[in-house]
Amino acid sequence: MIWNKSLLVDKIMKIGILDIQGSVEEHESALSKIAEVETIFVKTVDDLQNIQGLIIPGGESTTIGKLLKRFGLDLEIKKRVDSGMVVWGTCAGAILLSDLGLIDVEIERNAYGSQLNSFETGLDFDNKKIPGVFIRAPKILEVGEGVEILSKHNNHPVAVKQKNILLTTFHPELTDSMVVHEYFINMSKEKS
């Protein structure tokens, strides 16, 4: 059988991970387990140009927010989202996507307490049981019209989706479960 190399290249999803602070390596490690995904580390506006999806990882939301503005990434991310790019924010990333006005949710920072109050619990997501790791996690207090609740913990949404935006207030990248990463990749495939 003769392989058409150009067809193989076209099937590779280029997924960016915002690489200015936070759990970048953990997301990269998870993505490396998914066939046909190439990871792009996003530090500049130019790095956003050829990706089908972007992950904004957990970390310190205030620091990440300041760096987004300093490098002009905040405005470029908004522009790319408006043109259909899929974005997933985990923990601090969820806060930032809400702060940028890209999803209609109200979020409370560090709502589950300090680092000492971190915990792991089972969650239902996409008709599967997955582990949810909560570290200084935000809480989604309200969701607007058009926001789909994908998972809850103690009756509060912990994973939501609106159009091409996915938020999780927990850290799927800190577990062996690939369910949420695969869900995000499927969202990106649908939009590309």
Protein backbone atom coordinates (compact mmCIF):
# COMPACT_ATOMS: atom_id res chain seq x y z
CA MET A 1 0.00 0.00 0.00
CA ILE A 2 1.30 3.47 -0.87
CA TRP A 3 0.69 6.12 1.77
CA ASN A 4 -0.23 9.59 0.67
CA LYS A 5 1.82 11.70 3.08
CA SER A 6 -0.22 14.86 2.44
CA LEU A 7 -3.41 13.06 3.56
CA LEU A 8 -1.72 12.01 6.81
CA VAL A 9 -0.58 15.58 7.50
CA ASP A 10 -4.13 16.89 6.95
CA LYS A 11 -5.52 14.51 9.60
CA ILE A 12 -3.21 15.72 12.38
CA MET A 13 -4.95 18.05 14.84
CA LYS A 14 -2.77 20.90 16.04
CA ILE A 15 -3.76 21.67 19.60
CA GLY A 16 -2.18 24.60 21.42
CA ILE A 17 -1.48 24.78 25.13
CA LEU A 18 -1.05 28.28 26.55
CA ASP A 19 2.53 28.07 27.80
CA ILE A 20 3.02 31.09 30.01
CA GLN A 21 2.22 29.62 33.45
CA GLY A 22 0.39 26.63 34.93
CA SER A 23 -0.04 22.90 34.31
CA VAL A 24 1.34 22.92 30.75
CA GLU A 25 3.42 19.72 30.93
CA GLU A 26 0.53 17.73 32.37
CA HIS A 27 -1.75 18.67 29.47
CA GLU A 28 1.02 17.95 26.96
CA SER A 29 1.55 14.52 28.50
CA ALA A 30 -2.18 13.76 28.20
CA LEU A 31 -2.36 14.97 24.59
CA SER A 32 0.69 12.87 23.67
CA LYS A 33 -1.44 9.77 24.37
CA ILE A 34 -3.99 10.72 21.69
CA ALA A 35 -3.15 9.63 18.15
CA GLU A 36 -3.15 12.27 15.43
CA VAL A 37 -2.59 15.21 17.80
CA GLU A 38 0.37 17.55 17.59
CA THR A 39 0.93 19.86 20.55
CA ILE A 40 1.91 23.48 19.95
CA PHE A 41 3.19 25.49 22.93
CA VAL A 42 1.55 28.91 22.68
CA LYS A 43 3.60 31.84 23.97
CA THR A 44 2.94 34.45 21.27
CA VAL A 45 0.14 35.63 18.99
CA ASP A 46 1.90 33.94 16.06
CA ASP A 47 1.67 30.57 17.85
CA LEU A 48 -2.14 30.79 17.67
CA GLN A 49 -2.29 30.98 13.90
CA ASN A 50 -2.30 27.33 12.87
CA ILE A 51 -4.04 25.52 15.72
CA GLN A 52 -7.53 24.00 15.78
CA GLY A 53 -7.93 24.19 19.56
CA LEU A 54 -6.35 25.85 22.59
CA ILE A 55 -6.08 24.70 26.20
CA ILE A 56 -5.69 27.36 28.88
CA PRO A 57 -4.34 25.38 31.84
CA GLY A 58 -4.79 25.73 35.54
CA GLY A 59 -2.34 27.92 37.42
CA GLU A 60 -2.60 31.40 38.91
CA SER A 61 -5.39 33.20 37.05
CA THR A 62 -4.24 36.72 37.99
CA THR A 63 -0.71 36.05 36.71
CA ILE A 64 -1.92 34.34 33.53
CA GLY A 65 -4.38 37.19 32.89
CA LYS A 66 -1.66 39.85 33.21
CA LEU A 67 0.62 37.93 30.86
CA LEU A 68 -2.19 37.44 28.31
CA LYS A 69 -2.64 41.22 28.20
CA ARG A 70 1.09 41.97 28.13
CA PHE A 71 1.64 39.74 25.08
CA GLY A 72 -1.63 40.70 23.32
CA LEU A 73 -2.86 37.14 23.56
CA ASP A 74 -6.16 38.10 25.21
CA LEU A 75 -7.43 40.02 22.16
CA GLU A 76 -6.11 37.44 19.69
CA ILE A 77 -7.74 34.58 21.60
CA LYS A 78 -11.07 36.47 21.53
CA LYS A 79 -10.69 37.04 17.79
CA ARG A 80 -9.85 33.37 17.14
CA VAL A 81 -12.79 32.19 19.31
CA ASP A 82 -15.12 34.48 17.34
CA SER A 83 -13.87 32.81 14.14
CA GLY A 84 -14.54 29.31 15.54
CA MET A 85 -11.42 28.14 17.37
CA VAL A 86 -12.27 25.75 20.21
CA VAL A 87 -10.88 26.68 23.66
CA TRP A 88 -10.82 24.69 26.91
CA GLY A 89 -10.05 26.34 30.23
CA THR A 90 -9.18 24.20 33.25
CA CYS A 91 -9.47 25.77 36.72
CA ALA A 92 -7.67 29.13 36.30
CA GLY A 93 -8.27 28.82 32.56
CA ALA A 94 -12.00 28.60 33.27
CA ILE A 95 -11.80 31.83 35.28
CA LEU A 96 -9.92 33.58 32.47
CA LEU A 97 -12.40 32.55 29.77
CA SER A 98 -15.21 33.90 31.95
CA ASP A 99 -13.25 37.12 32.61
CA LEU A 100 -12.70 37.55 28.86
CA GLY A 101 -16.47 37.33 28.36
CA LEU A 102 -16.19 34.27 26.12
CA ILE A 103 -18.72 32.17 28.04
CA ASP A 104 -21.81 33.20 29.98
CA VAL A 105 -21.00 31.95 33.48
CA GLU A 106 -20.42 33.51 36.87
CA ILE A 107 -17.39 32.03 38.64
CA GLU A 108 -16.14 32.38 42.22
CA ARG A 109 -12.36 31.96 42.60
CA ASN A 110 -10.94 29.51 45.17
CA ALA A 111 -14.50 28.64 46.21
CA TYR A 112 -13.57 25.24 47.63
CA GLY A 113 -10.86 26.69 49.87
CA SER A 114 -7.08 26.83 49.99
CA GLN A 115 -4.49 24.35 48.76
CA LEU A 116 -5.05 22.40 51.98
CA ASN A 117 -8.70 21.86 51.00
CA SER A 118 -7.80 20.16 47.70
CA PHE A 119 -9.65 16.91 47.04
CA GLU A 120 -10.41 14.20 44.51
CA THR A 121 -13.88 12.83 43.82
CA GLY A 122 -15.72 10.79 41.21
CA LEU A 123 -17.65 12.67 38.52
CA ASP A 124 -20.01 11.77 35.70
CA PHE A 125 -18.88 13.23 32.38
CA ASP A 126 -20.01 12.25 28.88
CA ASN A 127 -21.81 9.17 30.27
CA LYS A 128 -18.60 7.95 31.91
CA LYS A 129 -17.24 7.94 35.47
CA ILE A 130 -14.06 10.00 35.75
CA PRO A 131 -11.87 11.25 38.61
CA GLY A 132 -12.08 14.97 39.38
CA VAL A 133 -9.11 16.65 41.06
CA PHE A 134 -9.97 20.01 42.67
CA ILE A 135 -7.06 22.26 43.70
CA ARG A 136 -8.00 25.75 44.94
CA ALA A 137 -10.83 25.28 42.50
CA PRO A 138 -13.30 27.91 41.36
CA LYS A 139 -17.02 27.27 41.57
CA ILE A 140 -19.48 28.00 38.75
CA LEU A 141 -22.27 29.86 40.53
CA GLU A 142 -24.54 30.60 37.57
CA VAL A 143 -24.76 29.63 33.92
CA GLY A 144 -26.43 31.72 31.27
CA GLU A 145 -28.78 30.70 28.50
CA GLY A 146 -27.10 28.42 25.99
CA VAL A 147 -24.56 27.03 28.46
CA GLU A 148 -24.72 23.23 28.65
CA ILE A 149 -23.86 21.63 32.00
CA LEU A 150 -21.70 18.56 31.35
CA SER A 151 -20.90 17.56 34.94
CA LYS A 152 -21.81 18.53 38.52
CA HIS A 153 -20.35 18.10 41.99
CA ASN A 154 -22.60 18.74 45.01
CA ASN A 155 -25.19 20.24 42.65
CA HIS A 156 -22.74 22.84 41.25
CA PRO A 157 -21.61 22.71 37.61
CA VAL A 158 -17.95 21.69 37.30
CA ALA A 159 -17.85 21.21 33.51
CA VAL A 160 -19.79 23.34 31.04
CA LYS A 161 -19.83 24.06 27.33
CA GLN A 162 -21.11 26.95 25.27
CA LYS A 163 -20.60 26.77 21.50
CA ASN A 164 -16.81 26.35 21.06
CA ILE A 165 -15.84 26.92 24.72
CA LEU A 166 -15.31 24.15 27.29
CA LEU A 167 -14.69 24.84 30.99
CA THR A 168 -13.71 22.48 33.78
CA THR A 169 -13.15 23.70 37.31
CA PHE A 170 -11.21 20.51 38.04
CA HIS A 171 -7.94 19.16 36.59
CA PRO A 172 -8.41 16.20 34.19
CA GLU A 173 -4.73 16.49 33.24
CA LEU A 174 -3.73 15.30 36.73
CA THR A 175 -5.43 11.91 36.27
CA ASP A 176 -5.00 8.91 33.98
CA SER A 177 -8.45 9.44 32.47
CA MET A 178 -8.42 10.72 28.89
CA VAL A 179 -12.19 11.27 28.69
CA VAL A 180 -12.20 15.08 28.89
CA HIS A 181 -9.16 15.49 26.62
CA GLU A 182 -10.81 13.23 24.03
CA TYR A 183 -14.06 15.20 24.36
CA PHE A 184 -12.13 18.42 23.67
CA ILE A 185 -10.36 16.88 20.66
CA ASN A 186 -13.74 15.80 19.27
CA MET A 187 -15.06 19.36 19.75
CA SER A 188 -12.01 20.63 17.83
CA LYS A 189 -12.55 18.12 15.01
CA GLU A 190 -16.18 19.20 14.65
CA LYS A 191 -15.18 22.86 14.29
CA SER A 192 -12.24 22.35 11.89
